[in-house]
Amino acid sequence: MFTGLVREVGNVASYDGARLVVETATTAELGDSIAIDGVCLTVVAVEPGRLSFDVVPETVSRVKEFGGRVNVEPALRAGDPLGGHQVQGHVDGTGSVAAVVPEGDGVRMQIALDPELLRYCAEKGSITVDGVSLTVAALHEDGLEVALIPHTLAETTLGELAAGDAVNLEVDVLAKYVERLLVSRIES
């Protein structure tokens, strides 16, 4: 489990479609879970300043291409303070940055996403964008908006995004469970 509070920005050293190597100061041991741009991955090799992960086809089919700078968050451990929101690191799909509009000291980012994901979003609900826990500021027929504060822009990769860039999205898991329970009840 994660919180969506990014601890570091790392760099992709290599990615061949199956093995991802990230340059990071995050310390980990073999078998630890680390979220990379919101994707929960298992550490399979540790070198000084580098962590390696195997990426399976299921993951590749749901996420944007790994490359450049990435958000890094170690898994939550018992006793760690809870912040952000409950994040599984199970990316549901991708969206596309539609616009980045200055707003005060921060920005308002518009993200276009598939209706299959948008149905799980609610205004003032939570969404994870590239592993960053955010609040949905507004909903539209074809997407949503999030408001980004200067700290988030400076400490994550979200400040580097521009219109047209792909983002990994994880919707609120509670919405998926509610839908599943309702569908099960209707089918019964």
Protein backbone atom coordinates (compact mmCIF):
# COMPACT_ATOMS: atom_id res chain seq x y z
CA MET A 1 0.00 0.00 0.00
CA PHE A 2 1.13 3.54 -0.77
CA THR A 3 -0.10 7.03 0.07
CA GLY A 4 0.65 8.88 -3.15
CA LEU A 5 3.13 11.12 -1.35
CA VAL A 6 6.20 10.93 -3.58
CA ARG A 7 9.46 10.70 -1.67
CA GLU A 8 11.90 11.27 -4.52
CA VAL A 9 12.27 11.84 -8.24
CA GLY A 10 14.53 9.21 -9.81
CA ASN A 11 15.83 8.67 -13.33
CA VAL A 12 15.26 5.71 -15.63
CA ALA A 13 18.72 4.30 -16.37
CA SER A 14 17.35 1.66 -18.75
CA TYR A 15 14.14 -0.02 -19.78
CA ASP A 16 13.89 -2.78 -22.38
CA GLY A 17 10.18 -3.54 -22.06
CA ALA A 18 10.74 -6.17 -19.39
CA ARG A 19 13.47 -4.93 -17.02
CA LEU A 20 13.38 -1.41 -15.59
CA VAL A 21 16.44 0.08 -13.88
CA VAL A 22 15.96 3.30 -11.90
CA GLU A 23 18.68 5.55 -10.49
CA THR A 24 17.45 6.51 -7.02
CA ALA A 25 18.64 7.35 -3.53
CA THR A 26 15.76 5.29 -2.13
CA THR A 27 17.08 2.32 -0.19
CA ALA A 28 15.41 -1.03 -0.62
CA GLU A 29 15.99 -4.73 -0.31
CA LEU A 30 15.18 -7.57 -2.70
CA GLY A 31 11.43 -8.18 -2.70
CA ASP A 32 10.46 -4.69 -1.49
CA SER A 33 7.60 -2.90 -3.22
CA ILE A 34 8.32 0.51 -4.72
CA ALA A 35 5.90 2.66 -6.73
CA ILE A 36 7.50 4.06 -9.88
CA ASP A 37 5.24 6.71 -11.46
CA GLY A 38 2.42 5.07 -9.51
CA VAL A 39 3.19 1.51 -10.62
CA CYS A 40 3.81 -0.95 -7.78
CA LEU A 41 6.91 -2.94 -8.72
CA THR A 42 9.02 -5.48 -6.85
CA VAL A 43 12.74 -4.87 -6.40
CA VAL A 44 14.63 -7.71 -8.13
CA ALA A 45 18.17 -6.29 -7.99
CA VAL A 46 19.92 -3.69 -5.85
CA GLU A 47 23.09 -1.85 -6.82
CA PRO A 48 24.51 1.32 -5.28
CA GLY A 49 22.18 4.12 -6.40
CA ARG A 50 20.08 1.79 -8.58
CA LEU A 51 17.07 -0.47 -8.20
CA SER A 52 15.89 -2.96 -10.82
CA PHE A 53 12.36 -4.23 -11.43
CA ASP A 54 10.78 -6.81 -13.74
CA VAL A 55 7.79 -5.44 -15.65
CA VAL A 56 5.23 -8.00 -16.84
CA PRO A 57 3.05 -7.66 -19.97
CA GLU A 58 -0.07 -6.94 -17.87
CA THR A 59 1.66 -3.87 -16.44
CA VAL A 60 3.03 -2.77 -19.82
CA SER A 61 -0.51 -2.91 -21.26
CA ARG A 62 -1.88 -0.48 -18.66
CA VAL A 63 0.83 2.13 -18.15
CA LYS A 64 2.66 4.81 -20.09
CA GLU A 65 6.17 4.07 -21.35
CA PHE A 66 8.84 4.28 -18.64
CA GLY A 67 11.49 6.88 -19.37
CA GLY A 68 13.19 10.03 -18.14
CA ARG A 69 12.45 11.23 -14.63
CA VAL A 70 10.03 9.20 -12.50
CA ASN A 71 8.24 9.61 -9.17
CA VAL A 72 9.47 7.16 -6.53
CA GLU A 73 7.58 6.11 -3.38
CA PRO A 74 8.51 3.21 -1.10
CA ALA A 75 5.61 1.12 0.22
CA LEU A 76 3.97 2.24 3.43
CA ARG A 77 5.23 0.36 6.47
CA ALA A 78 3.37 -0.35 9.69
CA GLY A 79 3.64 2.68 11.94
CA ASP A 80 4.31 5.15 9.10
CA PRO A 81 2.09 8.25 9.17
CA LEU A 82 -0.83 8.11 6.76
CA GLY A 83 -1.15 11.02 4.37
CA GLY A 84 -2.41 11.41 0.84
CA HIS A 85 -4.91 8.63 0.25
CA GLN A 86 -4.94 4.85 0.00
CA VAL A 87 -3.07 3.94 -3.17
CA GLN A 88 -2.47 0.40 -4.33
CA GLY A 89 0.02 1.09 -7.09
CA HIS A 90 -2.28 -0.79 -9.47
CA VAL A 91 -2.52 1.66 -12.35
CA ASP A 92 -5.95 1.46 -13.96
CA GLY A 93 -4.92 3.09 -17.22
CA THR A 94 -3.50 6.21 -18.76
CA GLY A 95 -4.78 9.67 -19.50
CA SER A 96 -3.44 12.61 -21.43
CA VAL A 97 -2.67 16.12 -20.20
CA ALA A 98 -5.14 18.34 -22.05
CA ALA A 99 -3.95 21.68 -20.63
CA VAL A 100 -1.77 23.22 -17.94
CA VAL A 101 -3.12 26.60 -16.86
CA PRO A 102 -1.38 28.89 -14.33
CA GLU A 103 -3.54 29.50 -11.26
CA GLY A 104 -2.11 31.68 -8.50
CA ASP A 105 1.27 30.22 -7.50
CA GLY A 106 0.27 26.79 -8.82
CA VAL A 107 -1.42 25.36 -11.89
CA ARG A 108 -4.72 23.78 -12.85
CA MET A 109 -4.07 20.67 -14.91
CA GLN A 110 -6.77 19.27 -17.18
CA ILE A 111 -6.50 15.56 -17.89
CA ALA A 112 -8.45 13.71 -20.58
CA LEU A 113 -9.33 10.14 -19.71
CA ASP A 114 -11.38 7.24 -20.92
CA PRO A 115 -15.03 7.13 -19.75
CA GLU A 116 -14.29 3.68 -18.26
CA LEU A 117 -11.99 5.40 -15.74
CA LEU A 118 -13.87 8.69 -15.46
CA ARG A 119 -16.93 6.90 -14.05
CA TYR A 120 -14.94 6.18 -10.87
CA CYS A 121 -14.06 9.84 -10.30
CA ALA A 122 -15.97 12.31 -8.15
CA GLU A 123 -15.43 16.02 -7.57
CA LYS A 124 -13.37 16.39 -4.37
CA GLY A 125 -12.60 12.68 -4.58
CA SER A 126 -9.09 11.34 -5.01
CA ILE A 127 -7.08 10.36 -8.08
CA THR A 128 -3.48 9.31 -8.40
CA VAL A 129 -1.57 10.86 -11.32
CA ASP A 130 1.89 9.36 -11.99
CA GLY A 131 1.83 8.14 -8.40
CA VAL A 132 0.92 11.52 -6.86
CA SER A 133 -2.16 11.64 -4.62
CA LEU A 134 -4.42 14.49 -5.77
CA THR A 135 -7.93 15.81 -5.25
CA VAL A 136 -10.28 16.05 -8.23
CA ALA A 137 -11.00 19.78 -8.52
CA ALA A 138 -13.54 19.50 -11.35
CA LEU A 139 -15.15 16.92 -13.63
CA HIS A 140 -15.99 17.23 -17.32
CA GLU A 141 -17.56 14.86 -19.86
CA ASP A 142 -14.13 13.88 -21.17
CA GLY A 143 -11.86 14.34 -18.18
CA LEU A 144 -11.06 16.07 -14.94
CA GLU A 145 -9.00 18.85 -13.42
CA VAL A 146 -6.55 18.83 -10.54
CA ALA A 147 -5.05 21.85 -8.79
CA LEU A 148 -1.32 21.58 -8.21
CA ILE A 149 0.44 23.55 -5.48
CA PRO A 150 4.03 24.83 -5.89
CA HIS A 151 5.40 22.08 -3.58
CA THR A 152 3.92 19.32 -5.77
CA LEU A 153 5.20 21.02 -8.93
CA ALA A 154 8.73 21.27 -7.48
CA GLU A 155 8.99 17.88 -5.75
CA THR A 156 7.42 15.57 -8.37
CA THR A 157 7.54 15.18 -12.13
CA LEU A 158 4.09 16.79 -12.52
CA GLY A 159 5.70 20.22 -12.90
CA GLU A 160 7.41 18.97 -16.08
CA LEU A 161 4.18 17.90 -17.83
CA ALA A 162 2.73 19.68 -20.84
CA ALA A 163 -0.33 19.26 -23.03
CA GLY A 164 -0.23 15.93 -24.85
CA ASP A 165 1.89 14.10 -22.26
CA ALA A 166 0.63 10.71 -21.07
CA VAL A 167 0.05 10.07 -17.36
CA ASN A 168 -0.58 6.95 -15.30
CA LEU A 169 -3.90 7.02 -13.45
CA GLU A 170 -5.18 5.08 -10.47
CA VAL A 171 -8.76 5.77 -9.49
CA ASP A 172 -10.11 5.43 -5.96
CA VAL A 173 -10.29 1.71 -5.14
CA LEU A 174 -13.42 2.25 -3.01
CA ALA A 175 -15.39 3.34 -6.08
CA LYS A 176 -14.44 0.11 -7.86
CA TYR A 177 -15.57 -2.00 -4.91
CA VAL A 178 -18.87 -0.15 -4.61
CA GLU A 179 -19.55 -0.73 -8.31
CA ARG A 180 -18.66 -4.42 -8.00
CA LEU A 181 -20.97 -4.86 -5.01
CA LEU A 182 -23.85 -3.11 -6.78
CA VAL A 183 -23.40 -5.15 -9.96
CA SER A 184 -23.27 -8.38 -7.91
CA ARG A 185 -26.47 -7.40 -6.11
CA ILE A 186 -28.28 -6.61 -9.40
CA GLU A 187 -27.13 -9.89 -10.96
CA SER A 188 -28.37 -11.91 -7.96
